[in-house]
Amino acid sequence: MRTTNRAQSVAFPPSPRGRRVWTARVALLAIVVAAPVAPADPPGAPTASTGVFPEPSAAAMWELRLLGCTTPARLARLRRLAKRRRVSLGIVGQDGVSRRQLEPLLGDVDTLRYHGCDDPGTNTHDTQMARVILELTRPLGVRLDVHIWQAGPAFSDYAAKFRQAARKADIVVLFQSFWGTDAGLITRAIRQSPGALFISPYVEFGGHPTSQTPQGSACRPWSGGTIGHFVTVAPLPRRGTPGIIVHPSDRGPGDTEAVNFIAPSYHANGPGGTCPSAAVATACACYLYALSPARPTPAEIIARLRRSSTLDRERLTSVAEFDAAAIERLAEQIARLRHPPTGRHRKLDAAGVLDLYAAAQADTRTPSASVPRADGRSGGRGDGRRDADGRGADGRGAGG
């Protein structure tokens, strides 16, 4: 979710409140940025009693092809695989999520519960992102219990809500970025909530160093002191130059944020509109959680997503938007981000694009505590107790 100082265009209908411009909210030296984008209308969803799940929307089918469902047989296999558990998903944001807007997708299979907030009734930004998730999970047979927290404006309130969400949910997703001196409250809350997998889009705001935002402390397995259960996502978008992903800034030591996963996104539209990619990755994580008879750890899910992220050219050229030249551009960009020249920083974790089909076939018993270092050898878990700038929780210590 890289933000700019101008409005971003989207190529699909605006919400009932009108197309929102990109804004930065400033309070007590802290900035919080939300990235709006409006997905397509949801398809209908039959009731659970029929035993039939809805067909994917056109947008979801485009994403599913790039996620490995390149044939009807592959899609059917993902739908047939036994879903052994319901998945608890927490969404924490400023504008809330509307059950009324999502009712056609929720049916009587999925649930949505509010925690200290109410239905906003409108097609809010987080409602749109929840729709992207449901358009993928419903056709795949995943049963979700969605929990909603509406937070702010104080960052201390966001921190409290993230802690609450992590105690309730398997996965916590956030579609906002937080900047300034008080953002450390949120970083600390996420760091101290290792039981849940946290997912966010890649974020930037103006010229601010990314070390100022919680996403700057997210998982970098080649670097000690980052938050191992917190991952960021950038889109391989349908729009824009084919094969080009939104790449992280590397302006110096202050830019600590990296991208963990690349997710195909029908709705993402480049800088300023990366949020839908995090919704796609969240749907993938929900699917993997549903397959497990016992609750997996965040490290296990991250490892399965990482191992299955590849540059399978047959898969990635299965949609009209991407040809061999586009995948070559993508491969060159991935190589630069993962293996930077001397003096630059590694900015990408996974070696390719998320492949849900491959991840679903992976052996859930495969050890996952070991994660790759920049040199390709195994390293630590990446869940140390220091902040992105190398300081401890009390703010002391040397940087670097």
Protein backbone atom coordinates (compact mmCIF):
# COMPACT_ATOMS: atom_id res chain seq x y z
CA MET A 1 0.00 0.00 0.00
CA ARG A 2 2.39 2.69 -1.15
CA THR A 3 0.73 6.08 -0.80
CA THR A 4 1.32 9.35 -2.57
CA ASN A 5 0.16 12.93 -2.16
CA ARG A 6 -2.29 12.72 -5.04
CA ALA A 7 -5.47 10.76 -5.68
CA GLN A 8 -5.00 7.35 -7.26
CA SER A 9 -7.21 6.18 -10.10
CA VAL A 10 -9.05 2.87 -10.01
CA ALA A 11 -10.62 1.12 -12.95
CA PHE A 12 -13.71 -0.26 -11.24
CA PRO A 13 -16.80 1.32 -9.64
CA PRO A 14 -16.31 3.55 -6.61
CA SER A 15 -17.93 2.82 -3.28
CA PRO A 16 -21.31 4.38 -2.44
CA ARG A 17 -19.47 7.08 -0.54
CA GLY A 18 -17.64 8.02 -3.72
CA ARG A 19 -14.06 7.40 -4.72
CA ARG A 20 -11.88 8.38 -1.79
CA VAL A 21 -8.68 10.28 -2.29
CA TRP A 22 -5.50 9.21 -0.59
CA THR A 23 -5.20 10.94 2.76
CA ALA A 24 -2.74 11.10 5.59
CA ARG A 25 -4.17 11.59 9.06
CA VAL A 26 -1.81 13.36 11.41
CA ALA A 27 -2.14 13.21 15.20
CA LEU A 28 0.48 13.70 17.89
CA LEU A 29 3.42 13.31 15.49
CA ALA A 30 1.88 10.12 14.08
CA ILE A 31 0.39 9.40 10.67
CA VAL A 32 -2.03 6.60 9.73
CA VAL A 33 -2.69 5.86 6.07
CA ALA A 34 -5.48 3.73 4.61
CA ALA A 35 -5.35 2.64 0.99
CA PRO A 36 -8.76 2.45 -0.71
CA VAL A 37 -9.56 0.29 -3.69
CA ALA A 38 -12.95 -0.95 -4.86
CA PRO A 39 -13.26 -4.58 -6.00
CA ALA A 40 -15.95 -5.85 -8.30
CA ASP A 41 -19.42 -6.82 -7.11
CA PRO A 42 -19.56 -10.21 -5.35
CA PRO A 43 -21.13 -13.29 -6.92
CA GLY A 44 -24.07 -14.96 -5.23
CA ALA A 45 -23.46 -17.64 -2.62
CA PRO A 46 -25.78 -20.61 -2.02
CA THR A 47 -26.51 -21.82 1.49
CA ALA A 48 -24.35 -24.43 3.16
CA SER A 49 -27.26 -26.88 3.27
CA THR A 50 -26.98 -27.40 -0.50
CA GLY A 51 -23.41 -28.68 -0.14
CA VAL A 52 -22.48 -26.60 -3.19
CA PHE A 53 -20.07 -23.70 -3.13
CA PRO A 54 -20.36 -20.75 -5.53
CA GLU A 55 -18.36 -20.54 -8.71
CA PRO A 56 -15.50 -18.02 -8.57
CA SER A 57 -16.11 -14.52 -9.85
CA ALA A 58 -14.16 -13.45 -12.93
CA ALA A 59 -11.68 -11.59 -10.72
CA ALA A 60 -11.20 -14.54 -8.37
CA MET A 61 -10.81 -16.97 -11.28
CA TRP A 62 -8.06 -14.79 -12.77
CA GLU A 63 -6.24 -14.87 -9.44
CA LEU A 64 -6.82 -18.61 -8.96
CA ARG A 65 -5.24 -19.39 -12.33
CA LEU A 66 -2.08 -17.57 -11.29
CA LEU A 67 -2.27 -19.30 -7.91
CA GLY A 68 -1.91 -22.64 -9.67
CA CYS A 69 -5.46 -23.58 -10.71
CA THR A 70 -4.54 -23.58 -14.39
CA THR A 71 -7.05 -26.33 -15.28
CA PRO A 72 -10.58 -27.19 -14.12
CA ALA A 73 -9.18 -30.39 -12.59
CA ARG A 74 -6.76 -28.43 -10.41
CA LEU A 75 -9.48 -26.11 -9.19
CA ALA A 76 -11.72 -29.11 -8.48
CA ARG A 77 -8.95 -30.73 -6.46
CA LEU A 78 -8.54 -27.67 -4.22
CA ARG A 79 -12.28 -27.62 -3.70
CA ARG A 80 -12.38 -31.35 -2.85
CA LEU A 81 -9.52 -31.39 -0.36
CA ALA A 82 -10.91 -31.91 3.14
CA LYS A 83 -11.24 -28.72 5.16
CA ARG A 84 -10.62 -29.98 8.68
CA ARG A 85 -11.22 -26.82 10.66
CA ARG A 86 -12.94 -23.47 10.59
CA VAL A 87 -10.56 -20.54 10.28
CA SER A 88 -10.71 -17.47 12.50
CA LEU A 89 -9.79 -14.23 10.70
CA GLY A 90 -9.36 -10.88 12.45
CA ILE A 91 -9.55 -7.56 10.60
CA VAL A 92 -8.41 -4.44 12.47
CA GLY A 93 -8.95 -1.06 10.83
CA GLN A 94 -10.38 2.42 11.17
CA ASP A 95 -13.59 2.31 9.11
CA GLY A 96 -14.95 -1.15 9.92
CA VAL A 97 -16.41 -3.94 7.79
CA SER A 98 -20.06 -4.11 6.76
CA ARG A 99 -21.94 -7.38 7.18
CA ARG A 100 -24.79 -5.87 5.18
CA GLN A 101 -22.52 -5.31 2.19
CA LEU A 102 -21.02 -8.82 2.45
CA GLU A 103 -24.21 -10.76 3.15
CA PRO A 104 -24.47 -12.28 -0.36
CA LEU A 105 -21.01 -13.81 0.12
CA LEU A 106 -21.33 -14.82 3.77
CA GLY A 107 -24.47 -16.91 3.30
CA ASP A 108 -24.96 -19.20 6.31
CA VAL A 109 -21.50 -20.81 6.10
CA ASP A 110 -19.27 -17.97 7.25
CA THR A 111 -19.84 -15.82 10.33
CA LEU A 112 -18.99 -12.20 11.04
CA ARG A 113 -18.76 -10.83 14.57
CA TYR A 114 -18.16 -7.29 15.81
CA HIS A 115 -16.00 -6.54 18.84
CA GLY A 116 -16.91 -3.20 20.38
CA CYS A 117 -18.09 -1.74 17.06
CA ASP A 118 -21.07 -1.86 14.71
CA ASP A 119 -21.86 -2.44 11.06
CA PRO A 120 -20.86 0.77 9.20
CA GLY A 121 -23.42 -0.13 6.55
CA THR A 122 -21.31 1.23 3.70
CA ASN A 123 -18.77 -0.22 1.30
CA THR A 124 -15.76 0.78 3.37
CA HIS A 125 -12.19 0.08 2.32
CA ASP A 126 -11.90 -2.92 4.66
CA THR A 127 -15.28 -4.21 3.45
CA GLN A 128 -13.86 -4.22 -0.06
CA MET A 129 -10.80 -6.13 1.09
CA ALA A 130 -12.95 -8.64 2.98
CA ARG A 131 -14.85 -9.19 -0.26
CA VAL A 132 -11.63 -10.03 -2.09
CA ILE A 133 -10.87 -12.63 0.60
CA LEU A 134 -14.35 -14.15 0.56
CA GLU A 135 -14.46 -14.31 -3.24
CA LEU A 136 -11.52 -16.72 -2.99
CA THR A 137 -12.29 -18.66 0.19
CA ARG A 138 -15.99 -19.33 -0.47
CA PRO A 139 -15.52 -21.11 -3.83
CA LEU A 140 -12.70 -23.17 -2.28
CA GLY A 141 -14.88 -24.39 0.58
CA VAL A 142 -13.10 -22.59 3.42
CA ARG A 143 -15.36 -21.78 6.38
CA LEU A 144 -14.45 -18.48 8.00
CA ASP A 145 -15.29 -16.85 11.30
CA VAL A 146 -14.52 -13.19 10.65
CA HIS A 147 -13.90 -10.92 13.65
CA ILE A 148 -13.95 -7.14 13.26
CA TRP A 149 -12.24 -4.51 15.40
CA GLN A 150 -12.61 -0.81 14.62
CA ALA A 151 -9.71 1.11 16.13
CA GLY A 152 -8.29 4.59 16.58
CA PRO A 153 -7.59 7.36 16.38
CA ALA A 154 -5.04 6.84 19.17
CA PHE A 155 -2.31 4.38 18.27
CA SER A 156 -2.58 2.95 21.78
CA ASP A 157 -6.12 1.86 20.85
CA TYR A 158 -4.85 0.19 17.67
CA ALA A 159 -2.22 -1.61 19.74
CA ALA A 160 -4.86 -2.86 22.18
CA LYS A 161 -7.12 -4.05 19.35
CA PHE A 162 -4.26 -5.92 17.66
CA ARG A 163 -3.56 -7.73 20.92
CA GLN A 164 -7.24 -8.63 21.26
CA ALA A 165 -7.41 -9.85 17.66
CA ALA A 166 -4.32 -12.03 18.07
CA ARG A 167 -5.89 -13.75 21.09
CA LYS A 168 -9.03 -14.55 19.09
CA ALA A 169 -7.89 -15.15 15.49
CA ASP A 170 -5.61 -17.52 13.57
CA ILE A 171 -4.80 -14.71 11.13
CA VAL A 172 -4.90 -10.94 11.65
CA VAL A 173 -4.85 -8.74 8.56
CA LEU A 174 -4.33 -4.98 8.48
CA PHE A 175 -4.75 -2.70 5.48
CA GLN A 176 -3.24 0.44 7.00
CA SER A 177 0.19 1.81 7.72
CA PHE A 178 1.18 3.74 10.84
CA TRP A 179 3.93 6.36 10.99
CA GLY A 180 5.60 8.48 13.63
CA THR A 181 6.84 8.26 17.17
CA ASP A 182 3.79 6.42 18.51
CA ALA A 183 3.80 3.72 15.81
CA GLY A 184 6.16 1.72 18.02
CA LEU A 185 3.18 0.93 20.25
CA ILE A 186 1.66 -1.05 17.40
CA THR A 187 4.96 -2.68 16.47
CA ARG A 188 5.37 -3.86 20.04
CA ALA A 189 1.79 -5.19 20.20
CA ILE A 190 2.32 -7.26 17.05
CA ARG A 191 5.74 -8.48 18.20
CA GLN A 192 4.27 -9.64 21.52
CA SER A 193 1.40 -11.56 19.82
CA PRO A 194 3.24 -14.51 18.24
CA GLY A 195 0.26 -16.87 18.24
CA ALA A 196 -1.38 -15.23 15.22
CA LEU A 197 -0.12 -14.75 11.67
CA PHE A 198 -0.15 -11.02 10.81
CA ILE A 199 -0.46 -10.03 7.14
CA SER A 200 -0.14 -6.56 5.58
CA PRO A 201 0.39 -5.04 2.16
CA TYR A 202 3.77 -3.49 1.50
CA VAL A 203 3.51 0.16 2.55
CA GLU A 204 5.19 3.49 1.96
CA PHE A 205 4.20 7.06 2.70
CA GLY A 206 5.85 10.05 1.11
CA GLY A 207 9.53 10.24 1.95
CA HIS A 208 9.25 8.65 5.40
CA PRO A 209 11.82 5.91 6.13
CA THR A 210 10.02 2.58 6.33
CA SER A 211 11.72 1.84 9.65
CA GLN A 212 9.16 4.25 11.16
CA THR A 213 6.23 1.92 10.45
CA PRO A 214 5.44 -1.51 11.97
CA GLN A 215 5.79 -3.07 8.53
CA GLY A 216 9.45 -2.06 8.67
CA SER A 217 9.89 -4.62 11.45
CA ALA A 218 8.08 -7.43 9.60
CA CYS A 219 9.76 -10.75 8.83
CA ARG A 220 13.17 -10.59 7.15
CA PRO A 221 14.54 -14.09 7.78
CA TRP A 222 18.02 -13.08 6.63
CA SER A 223 18.14 -10.31 9.26
CA GLY A 224 17.92 -10.77 13.01
CA GLY A 225 15.46 -8.95 15.24
CA THR A 226 12.46 -8.87 12.93
CA ILE A 227 8.93 -10.15 13.66
CA GLY A 228 8.78 -13.70 12.33
CA HIS A 229 4.96 -13.97 12.39
CA PHE A 230 4.35 -10.70 10.47
CA VAL A 231 4.60 -10.75 6.65
CA THR A 232 4.12 -8.18 3.89
CA VAL A 233 2.76 -8.68 0.39
CA ALA A 234 3.20 -6.88 -2.94
CA PRO A 235 1.03 -7.45 -6.01
CA LEU A 236 1.69 -8.91 -9.40
CA PRO A 237 -1.07 -6.70 -10.80
CA ARG A 238 -3.28 -7.22 -13.82
CA ARG A 239 -2.92 -3.51 -14.63
CA GLY A 240 0.19 -1.56 -15.53
CA THR A 241 3.33 -2.82 -17.24
CA PRO A 242 3.01 -6.62 -17.38
CA GLY A 243 5.38 -8.40 -15.05
CA ILE A 244 6.34 -5.38 -12.94
CA ILE A 245 5.77 -5.54 -9.19
CA VAL A 246 5.72 -2.68 -6.74
CA HIS A 247 9.24 -2.72 -5.37
CA PRO A 248 10.41 -1.51 -1.96
CA SER A 249 12.48 1.61 -1.59
CA ASP A 250 16.14 1.21 -0.67
CA ARG A 251 17.23 4.76 0.10
CA GLY A 252 19.54 3.83 2.96
CA PRO A 253 19.58 2.17 6.40
CA GLY A 254 16.26 3.80 7.32
CA ASP A 255 14.33 1.74 4.74
CA THR A 256 14.05 -1.55 6.61
CA GLU A 257 10.84 -2.88 5.05
CA ALA A 258 11.00 -5.80 2.63
CA VAL A 259 8.39 -7.83 0.75
CA ASN A 260 7.80 -11.42 1.83
CA PHE A 261 5.37 -12.58 -0.84
CA ILE A 262 4.18 -11.62 -4.31
CA ALA A 263 0.47 -12.28 -4.86
CA PRO A 264 -1.43 -12.04 -8.13
CA SER A 265 -4.07 -9.35 -7.91
CA TYR A 266 -6.91 -8.57 -10.28
CA HIS A 267 -7.71 -5.33 -8.44
CA ALA A 268 -4.34 -3.87 -7.42
CA ASN A 269 -3.27 -0.91 -9.50
CA GLY A 270 0.36 -0.28 -8.65
CA PRO A 271 1.75 2.24 -6.17
CA GLY A 272 -1.03 3.41 -3.89
CA GLY A 273 -3.19 0.34 -4.44
CA THR A 274 -1.36 -2.70 -3.09
CA CYS A 275 -3.94 -3.70 -0.45
CA PRO A 276 -5.76 -6.31 -2.59
CA SER A 277 -2.58 -8.36 -2.81
CA ALA A 278 -2.60 -8.78 0.97
CA ALA A 279 -6.22 -9.89 0.74
CA VAL A 280 -5.24 -12.56 -1.81
CA ALA A 281 -2.38 -13.77 0.39
CA THR A 282 -4.74 -13.82 3.38
CA ALA A 283 -7.16 -16.05 1.46
CA CYS A 284 -4.27 -18.41 0.66
CA ALA A 285 -3.26 -18.55 4.33
CA CYS A 286 -6.88 -19.21 5.33
CA TYR A 287 -7.02 -22.14 2.94
CA LEU A 288 -3.85 -23.69 4.40
CA TYR A 289 -5.11 -23.23 7.95
CA ALA A 290 -8.36 -24.98 6.95
CA LEU A 291 -6.48 -28.04 5.67
CA SER A 292 -4.69 -28.65 8.96
CA PRO A 293 -6.32 -30.96 11.52
CA ALA A 294 -4.56 -29.05 14.31
CA ARG A 295 -3.92 -25.34 14.41
CA PRO A 296 -0.64 -24.70 12.55
CA THR A 297 1.86 -22.13 13.71
CA PRO A 298 2.42 -18.93 11.73
CA ALA A 299 5.93 -20.21 10.94
CA GLU A 300 4.50 -23.36 9.34
CA ILE A 301 2.12 -21.40 7.11
CA ILE A 302 4.81 -18.90 6.12
CA ALA A 303 7.20 -21.73 5.27
CA ARG A 304 4.64 -23.48 3.04
CA LEU A 305 3.86 -20.25 1.21
CA ARG A 306 7.57 -19.50 0.81
CA ARG A 307 8.51 -22.95 -0.49
CA SER A 308 5.71 -22.93 -3.06
CA SER A 309 6.46 -19.45 -4.44
CA THR A 310 8.04 -20.01 -7.83
CA LEU A 311 8.50 -18.57 -11.31
CA ASP A 312 6.58 -21.31 -13.10
CA ARG A 313 6.30 -19.78 -16.56
CA GLU A 314 3.49 -22.07 -17.68
CA ARG A 315 1.41 -21.05 -14.68
CA LEU A 316 2.21 -17.35 -14.94
CA THR A 317 1.42 -17.15 -18.65
CA SER A 318 -1.94 -18.87 -18.21
CA VAL A 319 -3.68 -15.47 -18.31
CA ALA A 320 -3.81 -13.19 -21.34
CA GLU A 321 -2.10 -10.28 -19.58
CA PHE A 322 1.28 -12.00 -19.15
CA ASP A 323 3.48 -13.35 -21.93
CA ALA A 324 7.03 -14.72 -21.88
CA ALA A 325 8.50 -11.21 -22.01
CA ALA A 326 6.47 -10.16 -18.95
CA ILE A 327 7.69 -13.15 -16.95
CA GLU A 328 11.27 -12.40 -17.98
CA ARG A 329 10.85 -8.85 -16.62
CA LEU A 330 9.43 -10.31 -13.43
CA ALA A 331 12.32 -12.77 -13.10
CA GLU A 332 14.90 -10.01 -13.54
CA GLN A 333 13.21 -7.82 -10.93
CA ILE A 334 12.98 -10.69 -8.44
CA ALA A 335 16.66 -11.49 -8.94
CA ARG A 336 17.64 -7.86 -8.26
CA LEU A 337 15.51 -7.66 -5.13
CA ARG A 338 16.73 -10.95 -3.69
CA HIS A 339 20.38 -10.63 -4.69
CA PRO A 340 21.20 -6.91 -4.63
CA PRO A 341 24.60 -5.50 -5.57
CA THR A 342 27.15 -4.75 -2.90
CA GLY A 343 26.03 -1.93 -0.63
CA ARG A 344 22.30 -2.45 -1.24
CA HIS A 345 19.77 -4.34 0.88
CA ARG A 346 17.85 -7.50 0.13
CA LYS A 347 14.22 -6.51 -0.34
CA LEU A 348 12.38 -9.72 -1.28
CA ASP A 349 11.90 -12.97 0.60
CA ALA A 350 10.15 -15.48 -1.69
CA ALA A 351 11.72 -16.63 -4.96
CA GLY A 352 8.57 -16.20 -7.03
CA VAL A 353 4.79 -15.76 -7.04
CA LEU A 354 2.50 -17.48 -4.54
CA ASP A 355 1.25 -20.88 -5.75
CA LEU A 356 -1.67 -22.01 -3.58
CA TYR A 357 -2.09 -25.26 -5.50
CA ALA A 358 1.50 -26.27 -4.77
CA ALA A 359 1.27 -25.13 -1.16
CA ALA A 360 -1.86 -27.24 -0.66
CA GLN A 361 -0.02 -30.37 -1.82
CA ALA A 362 2.89 -29.80 0.57
CA ASP A 363 3.45 -32.21 3.42
CA THR A 364 2.23 -30.46 6.56
CA ARG A 365 4.79 -32.39 8.61
CA THR A 366 7.73 -30.68 6.89
CA PRO A 367 9.81 -28.82 9.51
CA SER A 368 9.42 -25.06 9.18
CA ALA A 369 11.45 -23.49 11.95
CA SER A 370 14.43 -22.94 9.67
CA VAL A 371 14.17 -20.05 7.24
CA PRO A 372 16.58 -19.04 4.46
CA ARG A 373 19.30 -16.45 4.89
CA ALA A 374 20.47 -14.17 2.13
CA ASP A 375 23.13 -16.71 1.19
CA GLY A 376 20.52 -19.44 0.80
CA ARG A 377 21.52 -21.40 3.91
CA SER A 378 19.13 -21.96 6.78
CA GLY A 379 18.96 -19.38 9.52
CA GLY A 380 16.99 -18.61 12.63
CA ARG A 381 13.28 -18.22 13.09
CA GLY A 382 13.41 -14.48 12.51
CA ASP A 383 11.35 -13.66 15.58
CA GLY A 384 13.95 -11.88 17.74
CA ARG A 385 13.07 -9.24 20.25
CA ARG A 386 14.64 -6.17 18.67
CA ASP A 387 13.04 -3.45 16.64
CA ALA A 388 13.75 -2.76 12.98
CA ASP A 389 16.46 -0.22 13.79
CA GLY A 390 18.22 -2.71 16.08
CA ARG A 391 17.02 -1.21 19.34
CA GLY A 392 15.37 -3.17 22.10
CA ALA A 393 11.86 -2.60 23.36
CA ASP A 394 13.06 0.17 25.69
CA GLY A 395 14.53 2.12 22.77
CA ARG A 396 18.12 1.67 23.92
CA GLY A 397 21.06 0.19 22.12
CA ALA A 398 22.94 0.86 18.96
CA GLY A 399 21.28 1.03 15.60
CA GLY A 400 22.21 -0.88 12.52
